[in-house]
C-alpha atoms as a PDB file:
ATOM      1  CA  UNK A   1      32.045  -9.478  -5.397  1.00  0.00           C
ATOM      2  CA  UNK A   2      31.677  -6.975  -8.232  1.00  0.00           C
ATOM      3  CA  UNK A   3      31.788  -9.574 -11.024  1.00  0.00           C
ATOM      4  CA  UNK A   4      28.896  -9.318 -13.504  1.00  0.00           C
ATOM      5  CA  UNK A   5      26.863 -12.480 -14.047  1.00  0.00           C
ATOM      6  CA  UNK A   6      23.765 -13.645 -15.845  1.00  0.00           C
ATOM      7  CA  UNK A   7      21.051 -15.856 -14.365  1.00  0.00           C
ATOM      8  CA  UNK A   8      18.423 -17.429 -16.603  1.00  0.00           C
ATOM      9  CA  UNK A   9      15.217 -18.526 -14.895  1.00  0.00           C
ATOM     10  CA  UNK A  10      14.333 -21.925 -16.349  1.00  0.00           C
ATOM     11  CA  UNK A  11      10.631 -22.472 -16.842  1.00  0.00           C
ATOM     12  CA  UNK A  12       9.761 -18.948 -15.769  1.00  0.00           C
ATOM     13  CA  UNK A  13       6.192 -17.887 -16.425  1.00  0.00           C
ATOM     14  CA  UNK A  14       4.569 -14.498 -16.512  1.00  0.00           C
ATOM     15  CA  UNK A  15       1.021 -14.074 -15.244  1.00  0.00           C
ATOM     16  CA  UNK A  16      -0.944 -11.195 -16.748  1.00  0.00           C
ATOM     17  CA  UNK A  17      -3.338  -9.828 -14.124  1.00  0.00           C
ATOM     18  CA  UNK A  18      -6.627  -8.460 -15.449  1.00  0.00           C
ATOM     19  CA  UNK A  19      -7.577  -5.310 -13.534  1.00  0.00           C
ATOM     20  CA  UNK A  20     -11.198  -4.340 -14.154  1.00  0.00           C
ATOM     21  CA  UNK A  21     -11.534  -0.567 -13.936  1.00  0.00           C
ATOM     22  CA  UNK A  22     -14.764  -0.382 -15.922  1.00  0.00           C
ATOM     23  CA  UNK A  23     -16.699   0.651 -12.811  1.00  0.00           C
ATOM     24  CA  UNK A  24     -14.444   3.617 -12.064  1.00  0.00           C
ATOM     25  CA  UNK A  25     -15.627   7.159 -12.771  1.00  0.00           C
ATOM     26  CA  UNK A  26     -12.506   7.732 -14.910  1.00  0.00           C
ATOM     27  CA  UNK A  27     -11.155   4.299 -15.855  1.00  0.00           C
ATOM     28  CA  UNK A  28      -8.456   5.686 -18.170  1.00  0.00           C
ATOM     29  CA  UNK A  29      -7.201   8.104 -15.505  1.00  0.00           C
ATOM     30  CA  UNK A  30      -7.183   5.319 -12.903  1.00  0.00           C
ATOM     31  CA  UNK A  31      -5.214   3.049 -15.238  1.00  0.00           C
ATOM     32  CA  UNK A  32      -2.646   5.807 -15.795  1.00  0.00           C
ATOM     33  CA  UNK A  33      -2.389   6.385 -12.039  1.00  0.00           C
ATOM     34  CA  UNK A  34      -1.742   2.682 -11.414  1.00  0.00           C
ATOM     35  CA  UNK A  35       0.806   2.477 -14.238  1.00  0.00           C
ATOM     36  CA  UNK A  36       2.679   5.478 -12.807  1.00  0.00           C
ATOM     37  CA  UNK A  37       2.746   3.806  -9.381  1.00  0.00           C
ATOM     38  CA  UNK A  38       4.149   0.650 -10.947  1.00  0.00           C
ATOM     39  CA  UNK A  39       6.813   2.613 -12.821  1.00  0.00           C
ATOM     40  CA  UNK A  40       7.819   4.424  -9.617  1.00  0.00           C
ATOM     41  CA  UNK A  41       8.435   1.125  -7.791  1.00  0.00           C
ATOM     42  CA  UNK A  42      12.107   0.134  -8.146  1.00  0.00           C
ATOM     43  CA  UNK A  43      13.031  -3.324  -9.385  1.00  0.00           C
ATOM     44  CA  UNK A  44      15.060  -5.518  -7.034  1.00  0.00           C
ATOM     45  CA  UNK A  45      17.832  -6.861  -9.264  1.00  0.00           C
ATOM     46  CA  UNK A  46      18.551  -9.822  -6.982  1.00  0.00           C
ATOM     47  CA  UNK A  47      14.986 -11.094  -6.602  1.00  0.00           C
ATOM     48  CA  UNK A  48      13.030  -9.494  -9.467  1.00  0.00           C
ATOM     49  CA  UNK A  49      10.720  -9.311 -11.160  1.00  0.00           C
ATOM     50  CA  UNK A  50      12.438  -7.452 -13.994  1.00  0.00           C
ATOM     51  CA  UNK A  51       9.289  -7.672 -16.123  1.00  0.00           C
ATOM     52  CA  UNK A  52       5.850  -6.538 -14.958  1.00  0.00           C
ATOM     53  CA  UNK A  53       2.641  -6.604 -16.959  1.00  0.00           C
ATOM     54  CA  UNK A  54      -1.049  -5.880 -16.431  1.00  0.00           C
ATOM     55  CA  UNK A  55      -4.148  -5.702 -18.580  1.00  0.00           C
ATOM     56  CA  UNK A  56      -6.524  -2.910 -17.568  1.00  0.00           C
ATOM     57  CA  UNK A  57     -10.166  -3.245 -18.627  1.00  0.00           C
ATOM     58  CA  UNK A  58     -11.632   0.216 -19.168  1.00  0.00           C
ATOM     59  CA  UNK A  59     -14.856  -0.966 -20.843  1.00  0.00           C
ATOM     60  CA  UNK A  60     -16.132  -4.310 -22.181  1.00  0.00           C
ATOM     61  CA  UNK A  61     -14.173  -3.925 -25.434  1.00  0.00           C
ATOM     62  CA  UNK A  62     -11.538  -1.344 -24.427  1.00  0.00           C
ATOM     63  CA  UNK A  63      -8.341  -2.410 -22.670  1.00  0.00           C
ATOM     64  CA  UNK A  64      -4.854  -1.064 -21.972  1.00  0.00           C
ATOM     65  CA  UNK A  65      -1.858  -3.395 -21.777  1.00  0.00           C
ATOM     66  CA  UNK A  66       0.949  -2.226 -19.508  1.00  0.00           C
ATOM     67  CA  UNK A  67       4.411  -3.731 -19.895  1.00  0.00           C
ATOM     68  CA  UNK A  68       7.396  -2.646 -17.834  1.00  0.00           C
ATOM     69  CA  UNK A  69      10.796  -4.212 -18.550  1.00  0.00           C
ATOM     70  CA  UNK A  70      14.005  -3.317 -16.737  1.00  0.00           C
ATOM     71  CA  UNK A  71      16.770  -2.452 -19.207  1.00  0.00           C
ATOM     72  CA  UNK A  72      18.950  -5.281 -17.849  1.00  0.00           C
ATOM     73  CA  UNK A  73      16.346  -7.805 -19.012  1.00  0.00           C
ATOM     74  CA  UNK A  74      16.468  -6.607 -22.618  1.00  0.00           C
END
Protein backbone atom coordinates (compact mmCIF):
# COMPACT_ATOMS: atom_id res chain seq x y z
CA UNK A 1 0.00 0.00 0.00
CA UNK A 2 3.04 2.27 -0.14
CA UNK A 3 3.04 3.10 3.59
CA UNK A 4 6.41 2.55 5.30
CA UNK A 5 6.39 0.29 8.36
CA UNK A 6 8.79 -1.31 10.78
CA UNK A 7 8.67 -4.93 11.93
CA UNK A 8 10.77 -6.07 14.88
CA UNK A 9 11.46 -9.80 15.10
CA UNK A 10 11.01 -10.76 18.75
CA UNK A 11 13.47 -13.36 19.96
CA UNK A 12 15.35 -13.41 16.68
CA UNK A 13 18.65 -15.25 16.74
CA UNK A 14 21.58 -15.21 14.38
CA UNK A 15 23.53 -18.40 13.73
CA UNK A 16 27.15 -17.94 12.69
CA UNK A 17 28.12 -20.76 10.32
CA UNK A 18 31.74 -21.90 10.52
CA UNK A 19 33.05 -22.63 7.02
CA UNK A 20 36.31 -24.57 7.13
CA UNK A 21 38.42 -23.63 4.11
CA UNK A 22 41.72 -24.75 5.62
CA UNK A 23 41.95 -27.64 3.15
CA UNK A 24 41.61 -25.41 0.09
CA UNK A 25 44.65 -24.62 -2.06
CA UNK A 26 43.96 -20.89 -1.59
CA UNK A 27 41.73 -20.54 1.48
CA UNK A 28 41.85 -16.72 1.48
CA UNK A 29 40.90 -16.54 -2.21
CA UNK A 30 38.07 -19.03 -1.66
CA UNK A 31 36.76 -17.00 1.28
CA UNK A 32 36.78 -13.85 -0.85
CA UNK A 33 34.96 -15.67 -3.65
CA UNK A 34 32.25 -16.86 -1.26
CA UNK A 35 31.89 -13.40 0.31
CA UNK A 36 31.48 -11.84 -3.14
CA UNK A 37 28.77 -14.40 -3.97
CA UNK A 38 26.97 -13.54 -0.75
CA UNK A 39 27.19 -9.81 -1.46
CA UNK A 40 25.81 -10.34 -4.98
CA UNK A 41 22.71 -12.12 -3.63
CA UNK A 42 19.90 -9.58 -3.12
CA UNK A 43 18.10 -9.37 0.20
CA UNK A 44 14.35 -10.04 0.18
CA UNK A 45 12.94 -7.17 2.23
CA UNK A 46 9.71 -9.02 3.02
CA UNK A 47 11.23 -12.28 4.24
CA UNK A 48 14.88 -11.46 5.03
CA UNK A 49 17.41 -12.08 6.24
CA UNK A 50 18.71 -8.51 6.33
CA UNK A 51 21.81 -9.63 8.23
CA UNK A 52 24.12 -12.43 7.08
CA UNK A 53 27.28 -13.61 8.79
CA UNK A 54 29.86 -16.36 8.39
CA UNK A 55 33.16 -17.29 9.99
CA UNK A 56 35.70 -18.65 7.51
CA UNK A 57 38.52 -20.80 8.91
CA UNK A 58 41.62 -20.34 6.75
CA UNK A 59 44.03 -22.11 9.13
CA UNK A 60 43.81 -23.42 12.71
CA UNK A 61 44.39 -19.93 14.17
CA UNK A 62 43.46 -17.71 11.20
CA UNK A 63 39.84 -16.79 10.52
CA UNK A 64 37.84 -14.19 8.58
CA UNK A 65 34.50 -12.93 9.88
CA UNK A 66 32.05 -11.82 7.20
CA UNK A 67 29.13 -9.59 8.15
CA UNK A 68 26.63 -8.25 5.64
CA UNK A 69 23.89 -5.90 6.85
CA UNK A 70 21.26 -4.32 4.61
CA UNK A 71 21.14 -0.55 5.10
CA UNK A 72 17.48 -0.74 6.17
CA UNK A 73 18.50 -2.83 9.19
CA UNK A 74 20.92 -0.19 10.47
